[in-house]
PDB file of N, CA and C in Angstrom:
ATOM      1  N   MET A   1     -38.355  16.371   9.153  1.00  0.00           N
ATOM      2  CA  MET A   1     -36.950  16.519   8.852  1.00  0.00           C
ATOM      3  C   MET A   1     -36.170  17.165   9.877  1.00  0.00           C
ATOM      4  N   ARG A   2     -36.944  18.284  10.585  1.00  0.00           N
ATOM      5  CA  ARG A   2     -36.207  19.041  11.626  1.00  0.00           C
ATOM      6  C   ARG A   2     -35.935  18.145  12.767  1.00  0.00           C
ATOM      7  N   ALA A   3     -36.798  17.334  13.053  1.00  0.00           N
ATOM      8  CA  ALA A   3     -36.636  16.325  14.333  1.00  0.00           C
ATOM      9  C   ALA A   3     -35.510  15.246  13.950  1.00  0.00           C
ATOM     10  N   LEU A   4     -35.407  14.982  12.910  1.00  0.00           N
ATOM     11  CA  LEU A   4     -34.214  14.035  12.376  1.00  0.00           C
ATOM     12  C   LEU A   4     -32.976  14.753  12.639  1.00  0.00           C
ATOM     13  N   LEU A   5     -32.834  15.948  12.130  1.00  0.00           N
ATOM     14  CA  LEU A   5     -31.576  16.771  12.328  1.00  0.00           C
ATOM     15  C   LEU A   5     -31.286  16.917  13.705  1.00  0.00           C
ATOM     16  N   ILE A   6     -32.284  17.130  14.612  1.00  0.00           N
ATOM     17  CA  ILE A   6     -32.053  17.524  15.930  1.00  0.00           C
ATOM     18  C   ILE A   6     -31.560  16.230  16.650  1.00  0.00           C
ATOM     19  N   SER A   7     -32.186  15.154  16.214  1.00  0.00           N
ATOM     20  CA  SER A   7     -31.612  13.770  16.807  1.00  0.00           C
ATOM     21  C   SER A   7     -30.437  13.459  16.504  1.00  0.00           C
ATOM     22  N   ILE A   8     -30.022  13.714  15.266  1.00  0.00           N
ATOM     23  CA  ILE A   8     -28.587  13.277  14.713  1.00  0.00           C
ATOM     24  C   ILE A   8     -27.597  14.212  15.603  1.00  0.00           C
ATOM     25  N   PHE A   9     -27.896  15.572  15.772  1.00  0.00           N
ATOM     26  CA  PHE A   9     -27.001  16.482  16.357  1.00  0.00           C
ATOM     27  C   PHE A   9     -26.829  16.056  17.776  1.00  0.00           C
ATOM     28  N   GLY A  10     -28.083  15.531  18.412  1.00  0.00           N
ATOM     29  CA  GLY A  10     -28.052  15.187  19.861  1.00  0.00           C
ATOM     30  C   GLY A  10     -27.015  13.936  20.123  1.00  0.00           C
ATOM     31  N   MET A  11     -27.174  13.138  19.097  1.00  0.00           N
ATOM     32  CA  MET A  11     -26.315  11.853  19.101  1.00  0.00           C
ATOM     33  C   MET A  11     -24.813  12.182  18.811  1.00  0.00           C
ATOM     34  N   CYS A  12     -24.407  13.152  18.036  1.00  0.00           N
ATOM     35  CA  CYS A  12     -23.184  13.554  17.782  1.00  0.00           C
ATOM     36  C   CYS A  12     -22.611  14.371  19.131  1.00  0.00           C
ATOM     37  N   MET A  13     -23.382  15.120  19.840  1.00  0.00           N
ATOM     38  CA  MET A  13     -23.027  15.633  21.010  1.00  0.00           C
ATOM     39  C   MET A  13     -22.551  14.543  22.169  1.00  0.00           C
ATOM     40  N   LEU A  14     -23.403  13.578  22.197  1.00  0.00           N
ATOM     41  CA  LEU A  14     -23.280  12.557  23.146  1.00  0.00           C
ATOM     42  C   LEU A  14     -22.009  11.871  22.795  1.00  0.00           C
ATOM     43  N   ALA A  15     -21.829  11.537  21.507  1.00  0.00           N
ATOM     44  CA  ALA A  15     -20.493  10.713  21.133  1.00  0.00           C
ATOM     45  C   ALA A  15     -19.379  11.679  21.399  1.00  0.00           C
ATOM     46  N   THR A  16     -19.421  13.014  21.235  1.00  0.00           N
ATOM     47  CA  THR A  16     -18.221  13.831  21.536  1.00  0.00           C
ATOM     48  C   THR A  16     -17.923  13.721  22.987  1.00  0.00           C
ATOM     49  N   ALA A  17     -19.046  13.992  23.765  1.00  0.00           N
ATOM     50  CA  ALA A  17     -18.692  13.932  25.230  1.00  0.00           C
ATOM     51  C   ALA A  17     -18.266  12.620  25.581  1.00  0.00           C
ATOM     52  N   ALA A  18     -18.677  11.471  25.116  1.00  0.00           N
ATOM     53  CA  ALA A  18     -17.978  10.243  25.513  1.00  0.00           C
ATOM     54  C   ALA A  18     -16.698   9.855  25.155  1.00  0.00           C
ATOM     55  N   ALA A  19     -16.265  10.613  24.112  1.00  0.00           N
ATOM     56  CA  ALA A  19     -14.898  10.600  23.556  1.00  0.00           C
ATOM     57  C   ALA A  19     -13.913  11.453  24.353  1.00  0.00           C
ATOM     58  N   ALA A  20     -14.389  12.298  24.926  1.00  0.00           N
ATOM     59  CA  ALA A  20     -13.649  13.294  25.801  1.00  0.00           C
ATOM     60  C   ALA A  20     -13.633  12.796  27.404  1.00  0.00           C
ATOM     61  N   ASP A  21     -13.373  11.778  27.505  1.00  0.00           N
ATOM     62  CA  ASP A  21     -13.427  11.205  28.913  1.00  0.00           C
ATOM     63  C   ASP A  21     -12.216  11.780  29.567  1.00  0.00           C
ATOM     64  N   GLU A  22     -12.499  12.555  30.644  1.00  0.00           N
ATOM     65  CA  GLU A  22     -11.521  13.135  31.291  1.00  0.00           C
ATOM     66  C   GLU A  22     -10.827  12.356  32.381  1.00  0.00           C
ATOM     67  N   THR A  23     -11.505  11.188  32.601  1.00  0.00           N
ATOM     68  CA  THR A  23     -10.768  10.208  33.520  1.00  0.00           C
ATOM     69  C   THR A  23      -9.932   9.278  32.950  1.00  0.00           C
ATOM     70  N   ALA A  24      -9.955   9.312  31.746  1.00  0.00           N
ATOM     71  CA  ALA A  24      -8.954   8.150  31.067  1.00  0.00           C
ATOM     72  C   ALA A  24      -7.606   8.542  31.384  1.00  0.00           C
ATOM     73  N   PRO A  25      -6.762   7.476  31.604  1.00  0.00           N
ATOM     74  CA  PRO A  25      -5.514   7.606  32.134  1.00  0.00           C
ATOM     75  C   PRO A  25      -4.490   8.523  31.310  1.00  0.00           C
ATOM     76  N   ALA A  26      -4.585   8.656  29.985  1.00  0.00           N
ATOM     77  CA  ALA A  26      -3.879   9.457  29.106  1.00  0.00           C
ATOM     78  C   ALA A  26      -4.165  10.960  29.452  1.00  0.00           C
ATOM     79  N   ASN A  27      -5.486  11.007  29.644  1.00  0.00           N
ATOM     80  CA  ASN A  27      -5.921  12.467  29.945  1.00  0.00           C
ATOM     81  C   ASN A  27      -5.533  13.006  31.271  1.00  0.00           C
ATOM     82  N   LEU A  28      -5.633  12.177  32.110  1.00  0.00           N
ATOM     83  CA  LEU A  28      -5.186  12.448  33.602  1.00  0.00           C
ATOM     84  C   LEU A  28      -3.732  12.803  33.504  1.00  0.00           C
ATOM     85  N   ALA A  29      -2.930  11.985  32.766  1.00  0.00           N
ATOM     86  CA  ALA A  29      -1.569  12.083  32.739  1.00  0.00           C
ATOM     87  C   ALA A  29      -1.076  13.599  31.929  1.00  0.00           C
ATOM     88  N   ASN A  30      -1.969  14.023  31.221  1.00  0.00           N
ATOM     89  CA  ASN A  30      -1.563  15.335  30.669  1.00  0.00           C
ATOM     90  C   ASN A  30      -1.039  16.367  31.623  1.00  0.00           C
ATOM     91  N   ALA A  31      -1.607  16.421  32.839  1.00  0.00           N
ATOM     92  CA  ALA A  31      -1.217  17.382  33.778  1.00  0.00           C
ATOM     93  C   ALA A  31       0.317  17.176  34.196  1.00  0.00           C
ATOM     94  N   CYS A  32       0.764  15.988  34.131  1.00  0.00           N
ATOM     95  CA  CYS A  32       2.132  15.729  34.403  1.00  0.00           C
ATOM     96  C   CYS A  32       3.039  16.319  33.386  1.00  0.00           C
ATOM     97  N   ALA A  33       2.589  16.431  32.408  1.00  0.00           N
ATOM     98  CA  ALA A  33       3.544  16.820  31.276  1.00  0.00           C
ATOM     99  C   ALA A  33       4.341  18.163  31.348  1.00  0.00           C
ATOM    100  N   GLY A  34       3.666  19.063  31.973  1.00  0.00           N
ATOM    101  CA  GLY A  34       4.230  20.265  32.202  1.00  0.00           C
ATOM    102  C   GLY A  34       5.311  20.272  32.856  1.00  0.00           C
ATOM    103  N   CYS A  35       5.824  19.560  33.959  1.00  0.00           N
ATOM    104  CA  CYS A  35       6.729  19.444  34.698  1.00  0.00           C
ATOM    105  C   CYS A  35       7.696  18.295  34.377  1.00  0.00           C
ATOM    106  N   HIS A  36       7.127  17.166  34.133  1.00  0.00           N
ATOM    107  CA  HIS A  36       7.813  15.769  34.060  1.00  0.00           C
ATOM    108  C   HIS A  36       8.105  15.590  32.484  1.00  0.00           C
ATOM    109  N   GLY A  37       7.781  16.399  31.591  1.00  0.00           N
ATOM    110  CA  GLY A  37       7.980  16.326  30.280  1.00  0.00           C
ATOM    111  C   GLY A  37       6.987  15.451  29.594  1.00  0.00           C
ATOM    112  N   THR A  38       6.931  15.366  28.095  1.00  0.00           N
ATOM    113  CA  THR A  38       5.979  14.660  27.369  1.00  0.00           C
ATOM    114  C   THR A  38       6.102  13.287  27.634  1.00  0.00           C
ATOM    115  N   ASP A  39       5.153  12.292  27.981  1.00  0.00           N
ATOM    116  CA  ASP A  39       5.218  10.956  28.065  1.00  0.00           C
ATOM    117  C   ASP A  39       6.003  10.762  29.422  1.00  0.00           C
ATOM    118  N   GLY A  40       6.143  11.897  30.373  1.00  0.00           N
ATOM    119  CA  GLY A  40       6.857  11.314  31.564  1.00  0.00           C
ATOM    120  C   GLY A  40       8.391  11.410  31.420  1.00  0.00           C
ATOM    121  N   LYS A  41       8.810  11.866  30.435  1.00  0.00           N
ATOM    122  CA  LYS A  41      10.419  11.962  30.190  1.00  0.00           C
ATOM    123  C   LYS A  41      10.987  13.304  30.382  1.00  0.00           C
ATOM    124  N   SER A  42      11.197  13.544  31.619  1.00  0.00           N
ATOM    125  CA  SER A  42      11.754  14.927  32.076  1.00  0.00           C
ATOM    126  C   SER A  42      12.919  15.296  31.587  1.00  0.00           C
ATOM    127  N   PRO A  43      13.070  16.398  30.783  1.00  0.00           N
ATOM    128  CA  PRO A  43      14.220  16.851  30.128  1.00  0.00           C
ATOM    129  C   PRO A  43      15.285  17.617  31.101  1.00  0.00           C
ATOM    130  N   GLY A  44      14.748  17.689  32.277  1.00  0.00           N
ATOM    131  CA  GLY A  44      15.875  18.493  33.241  1.00  0.00           C
ATOM    132  C   GLY A  44      15.885  17.799  34.675  1.00  0.00           C
ATOM    133  N   GLN A  45      15.861  18.628  35.614  1.00  0.00           N
ATOM    134  CA  GLN A  45      16.081  18.325  36.990  1.00  0.00           C
ATOM    135  C   GLN A  45      14.986  17.525  37.691  1.00  0.00           C
ATOM    136  N   ILE A  46      13.847  17.635  37.011  1.00  0.00           N
ATOM    137  CA  ILE A  46      12.517  17.182  37.691  1.00  0.00           C
ATOM    138  C   ILE A  46      12.505  15.496  37.366  1.00  0.00           C
ATOM    139  N   PRO A  47      12.092  14.754  38.324  1.00  0.00           N
ATOM    140  CA  PRO A  47      12.368  13.274  38.101  1.00  0.00           C
ATOM    141  C   PRO A  47      11.501  12.712  36.922  1.00  0.00           C
ATOM    142  N   MET A  48      11.998  11.796  36.237  1.00  0.00           N
ATOM    143  CA  MET A  48      11.398  11.151  35.102  1.00  0.00           C
ATOM    144  C   MET A  48      10.570  10.252  35.892  1.00  0.00           C
ATOM    145  N   ILE A  49       9.256  10.098  35.320  1.00  0.00           N
ATOM    146  CA  ILE A  49       8.305   9.165  35.950  1.00  0.00           C
ATOM    147  C   ILE A  49       7.949   8.130  35.058  1.00  0.00           C
ATOM    148  N   ALA A  50       8.236   8.171  33.714  1.00  0.00           N
ATOM    149  CA  ALA A  50       7.927   7.113  32.464  1.00  0.00           C
ATOM    150  C   ALA A  50       8.738   5.891  33.006  1.00  0.00           C
ATOM    151  N   GLY A  51       8.023   4.761  33.035  1.00  0.00           N
ATOM    152  CA  GLY A  51       8.696   3.583  33.271  1.00  0.00           C
ATOM    153  C   GLY A  51       8.962   3.206  34.935  1.00  0.00           C
ATOM    154  N   MET A  52       8.575   4.185  35.660  1.00  0.00           N
ATOM    155  CA  MET A  52       8.635   3.804  37.066  1.00  0.00           C
ATOM    156  C   MET A  52       7.591   2.826  37.453  1.00  0.00           C
ATOM    157  N   ALA A  53       8.085   2.089  38.469  1.00  0.00           N
ATOM    158  CA  ALA A  53       7.086   0.923  38.826  1.00  0.00           C
ATOM    159  C   ALA A  53       5.855   1.580  39.461  1.00  0.00           C
ATOM    160  N   ALA A  54       4.712   1.111  38.802  1.00  0.00           N
ATOM    161  CA  ALA A  54       3.434   1.542  39.159  1.00  0.00           C
ATOM    162  C   ALA A  54       3.125   1.832  40.572  1.00  0.00           C
ATOM    163  N   ALA A  55       3.422   0.614  41.272  1.00  0.00           N
ATOM    164  CA  ALA A  55       3.255   0.688  42.780  1.00  0.00           C
ATOM    165  C   ALA A  55       4.046   1.665  43.440  1.00  0.00           C
ATOM    166  N   ASP A  56       5.198   2.084  43.113  1.00  0.00           N
ATOM    167  CA  ASP A  56       6.243   3.165  43.684  1.00  0.00           C
ATOM    168  C   ASP A  56       5.558   4.471  43.382  1.00  0.00           C
ATOM    169  N   LEU A  57       5.129   4.657  42.108  1.00  0.00           N
ATOM    170  CA  LEU A  57       4.506   5.856  41.771  1.00  0.00           C
ATOM    171  C   LEU A  57       3.274   6.143  42.448  1.00  0.00           C
ATOM    172  N   ALA A  58       2.439   5.165  42.563  1.00  0.00           N
ATOM    173  CA  ALA A  58       1.163   5.448  43.453  1.00  0.00           C
ATOM    174  C   ALA A  58       1.591   5.780  44.812  1.00  0.00           C
ATOM    175  N   ALA A  59       2.503   4.978  45.421  1.00  0.00           N
ATOM    176  CA  ALA A  59       2.710   5.286  46.889  1.00  0.00           C
ATOM    177  C   ALA A  59       3.313   6.622  47.027  1.00  0.00           C
ATOM    178  N   GLU A  60       4.157   7.218  46.043  1.00  0.00           N
ATOM    179  CA  GLU A  60       4.584   8.662  46.155  1.00  0.00           C
ATOM    180  C   GLU A  60       3.571   9.549  46.129  1.00  0.00           C
ATOM    181  N   LEU A  61       2.636   9.457  45.019  1.00  0.00           N
ATOM    182  CA  LEU A  61       1.507  10.382  44.833  1.00  0.00           C
ATOM    183  C   LEU A  61       0.555  10.351  45.938  1.00  0.00           C
ATOM    184  N   ARG A  62       0.354   9.216  46.876  1.00  0.00           N
ATOM    185  CA  ARG A  62      -0.366   9.198  47.982  1.00  0.00           C
ATOM    186  C   ARG A  62       0.437   9.767  49.074  1.00  0.00           C
ATOM    187  N   GLN A  63       1.703   9.662  49.178  1.00  0.00           N
ATOM    188  CA  GLN A  63       2.507  10.361  50.239  1.00  0.00           C
ATOM    189  C   GLN A  63       2.248  11.930  49.909  1.00  0.00           C
ATOM    190  N   PHE A  64       2.244  12.453  48.794  1.00  0.00           N
ATOM    191  CA  PHE A  64       2.200  13.817  48.464  1.00  0.00           C
ATOM    192  C   PHE A  64       0.680  14.284  48.856  1.00  0.00           C
ATOM    193  N   LYS A  65      -0.184  13.405  48.447  1.00  0.00           N
ATOM    194  CA  LYS A  65      -1.647  13.751  48.589  1.00  0.00           C
ATOM    195  C   LYS A  65      -1.888  13.845  50.188  1.00  0.00           C
ATOM    196  N   ASN A  66      -1.323  12.965  50.947  1.00  0.00           N
ATOM    197  CA  ASN A  66      -1.458  13.026  52.432  1.00  0.00           C
ATOM    198  C   ASN A  66      -0.337  13.922  53.290  1.00  0.00           C
ATOM    199  N   ASP A  67       0.303  14.690  52.650  1.00  0.00           N
ATOM    200  CA  ASP A  67       1.475  15.515  53.099  1.00  0.00           C
ATOM    201  C   ASP A  67       2.465  14.807  53.964  1.00  0.00           C
ATOM    202  N   GLN A  68       2.814  13.612  53.529  1.00  0.00           N
ATOM    203  CA  GLN A  68       3.562  12.739  54.253  1.00  0.00           C
ATOM    204  C   GLN A  68       5.072  12.952  53.423  1.00  0.00           C
ATOM    205  N   LYS A  69       5.004  13.577  52.424  1.00  0.00           N
ATOM    206  CA  LYS A  69       6.268  13.888  51.535  1.00  0.00           C
ATOM    207  C   LYS A  69       6.173  15.437  51.147  1.00  0.00           C
ATOM    208  N   ALA A  70       7.110  16.246  51.381  1.00  0.00           N
ATOM    209  CA  ALA A  70       7.136  17.514  50.967  1.00  0.00           C
ATOM    210  C   ALA A  70       7.493  17.664  49.618  1.00  0.00           C
ATOM    211  N   ALA A  71       6.992  18.812  48.851  1.00  0.00           N
ATOM    212  CA  ALA A  71       7.250  18.994  47.355  1.00  0.00           C
ATOM    213  C   ALA A  71       6.903  20.527  47.260  1.00  0.00           C
ATOM    214  N   THR A  72       7.191  21.085  46.073  1.00  0.00           N
ATOM    215  CA  THR A  72       7.027  22.502  45.874  1.00  0.00           C
ATOM    216  C   THR A  72       5.452  22.523  45.385  1.00  0.00           C
ATOM    217  N   VAL A  73       5.076  21.841  44.505  1.00  0.00           N
ATOM    218  CA  VAL A  73       3.625  21.646  44.106  1.00  0.00           C
ATOM    219  C   VAL A  73       2.938  20.378  44.160  1.00  0.00           C
ATOM    220  N   MET A  74       3.695  19.337  44.194  1.00  0.00           N
ATOM    221  CA  MET A  74       3.012  18.100  44.110  1.00  0.00           C
ATOM    222  C   MET A  74       1.919  17.709  45.229  1.00  0.00           C
ATOM    223  N   ASN A  75       2.122  18.310  46.265  1.00  0.00           N
ATOM    224  CA  ASN A  75       1.189  18.262  47.439  1.00  0.00           C
ATOM    225  C   ASN A  75      -0.288  18.616  46.964  1.00  0.00           C
ATOM    226  N   ARG A  76      -0.176  19.924  46.332  1.00  0.00           N
ATOM    227  CA  ARG A  76      -1.361  20.430  45.927  1.00  0.00           C
ATOM    228  C   ARG A  76      -2.097  19.555  44.715  1.00  0.00           C
ATOM    229  N   ILE A  77      -1.123  19.196  43.807  1.00  0.00           N
ATOM    230  CA  ILE A  77      -1.643  18.662  42.679  1.00  0.00           C
ATOM    231  C   ILE A  77      -2.241  17.222  42.960  1.00  0.00           C
ATOM    232  N   ALA A  78      -1.453  16.573  43.845  1.00  0.00           N
ATOM    233  CA  ALA A  78      -1.999  15.158  44.083  1.00  0.00           C
ATOM    234  C   ALA A  78      -3.261  15.118  44.909  1.00  0.00           C
ATOM    235  N   LYS A  79      -3.438  16.277  45.746  1.00  0.00           N
ATOM    236  CA  LYS A  79      -4.813  16.221  46.544  1.00  0.00           C
ATOM    237  C   LYS A  79      -6.154  16.431  45.506  1.00  0.00           C
ATOM    238  N   GLY A  80      -5.737  16.713  44.249  1.00  0.00           N
ATOM    239  CA  GLY A  80      -7.059  16.698  43.269  1.00  0.00           C
ATOM    240  C   GLY A  80      -7.255  15.365  42.797  1.00  0.00           C
ATOM    241  N   TYR A  81      -6.468  14.355  43.024  1.00  0.00           N
ATOM    242  CA  TYR A  81      -6.761  12.910  42.397  1.00  0.00           C
ATOM    243  C   TYR A  81      -7.553  12.210  43.303  1.00  0.00           C
ATOM    244  N   THR A  82      -8.467  11.290  42.919  1.00  0.00           N
ATOM    245  CA  THR A  82      -9.076  10.285  43.676  1.00  0.00           C
ATOM    246  C   THR A  82      -7.959   9.094  43.783  1.00  0.00           C
ATOM    247  N   GLU A  83      -8.316   8.095  44.632  1.00  0.00           N
ATOM    248  CA  GLU A  83      -7.460   7.078  44.785  1.00  0.00           C
ATOM    249  C   GLU A  83      -7.297   6.229  43.411  1.00  0.00           C
ATOM    250  N   ALA A  84      -8.607   6.080  42.764  1.00  0.00           N
ATOM    251  CA  ALA A  84      -8.599   5.402  41.337  1.00  0.00           C
ATOM    252  C   ALA A  84      -7.945   5.999  40.407  1.00  0.00           C
ATOM    253  N   GLU A  85      -7.844   7.451  40.458  1.00  0.00           N
ATOM    254  CA  GLU A  85      -7.183   8.308  39.437  1.00  0.00           C
ATOM    255  C   GLU A  85      -5.634   8.218  39.666  1.00  0.00           C
ATOM    256  N   ILE A  86      -5.186   8.042  41.035  1.00  0.00           N
ATOM    257  CA  ILE A  86      -3.793   7.952  41.225  1.00  0.00           C
ATOM    258  C   ILE A  86      -3.279   6.485  40.613  1.00  0.00           C
ATOM    259  N   ASP A  87      -4.212   5.491  40.885  1.00  0.00           N
ATOM    260  CA  ASP A  87      -3.711   4.269  40.428  1.00  0.00           C
ATOM    261  C   ASP A  87      -3.759   4.233  38.887  1.00  0.00           C
ATOM    262  N   ALA A  88      -4.674   4.891  38.194  1.00  0.00           N
ATOM    263  CA  ALA A  88      -4.875   4.977  36.742  1.00  0.00           C
ATOM    264  C   ALA A  88      -3.439   5.571  36.056  1.00  0.00           C
ATOM    265  N   ILE A  89      -3.171   6.807  36.844  1.00  0.00           N
ATOM    266  CA  ILE A  89      -1.869   7.598  36.451  1.00  0.00           C
ATOM    267  C   ILE A  89      -0.665   6.706  36.701  1.00  0.00           C
ATOM    268  N   ALA A  90      -0.530   6.035  37.897  1.00  0.00           N
ATOM    269  CA  ALA A  90       0.662   5.154  37.981  1.00  0.00           C
ATOM    270  C   ALA A  90       0.630   4.071  37.125  1.00  0.00           C
ATOM    271  N   ASN A  91      -0.358   3.334  36.774  1.00  0.00           N
ATOM    272  CA  ASN A  91      -0.274   2.378  35.866  1.00  0.00           C
ATOM    273  C   ASN A  91       0.037   2.717  34.383  1.00  0.00           C
ATOM    274  N   TYR A  92      -0.373   3.934  34.096  1.00  0.00           N
ATOM    275  CA  TYR A  92      -0.106   4.611  32.749  1.00  0.00           C
ATOM    276  C   TYR A  92       1.273   4.805  32.619  1.00  0.00           C
ATOM    277  N   PHE A  93       1.979   5.422  33.639  1.00  0.00           N
ATOM    278  CA  PHE A  93       3.293   5.685  33.456  1.00  0.00           C
ATOM    279  C   PHE A  93       4.119   4.554  33.663  1.00  0.00           C
ATOM    280  N   GLY A  94       3.863   3.364  34.461  1.00  0.00           N
ATOM    281  CA  GLY A  94       4.458   2.336  34.580  1.00  0.00           C
ATOM    282  C   GLY A  94       4.298   1.428  33.578  1.00  0.00           C
ATOM    283  N   GLY A  95       3.451   1.678  32.680  1.00  0.00           N
ATOM    284  CA  GLY A  95       3.479   0.774  31.522  1.00  0.00           C
ATOM    285  C   GLY A  95       4.316   1.328  30.323  1.00  0.00           C
ATOM    286  N   MET A  96       4.949   2.421  30.507  1.00  0.00           N
ATOM    287  CA  MET A  96       5.811   2.928  29.279  1.00  0.00           C
ATOM    288  C   MET A  96       7.213   2.243  29.499  1.00  0.00           C
TER     289      MET A  96
END
């Protein structure tokens, strides 16, 4: 009985870890909400990124990442993303 409970607990832990995929586009995009607003719809002076063409957003993120475009914090934030993550974020917001 104890072995069965341990097995069930282990499967639940694996299922929880799989559900919390930090590389899922929506999870990656959460970091953007602090400045660009919920769902990329900025309420203020910061640019709205929801609905922006995915190719344009990806290009800008890469410019920030490679220090080809200056910004207050975007250069540091973009450096934390892989090329695949940049594409995922751009496609996520581009699809809105």
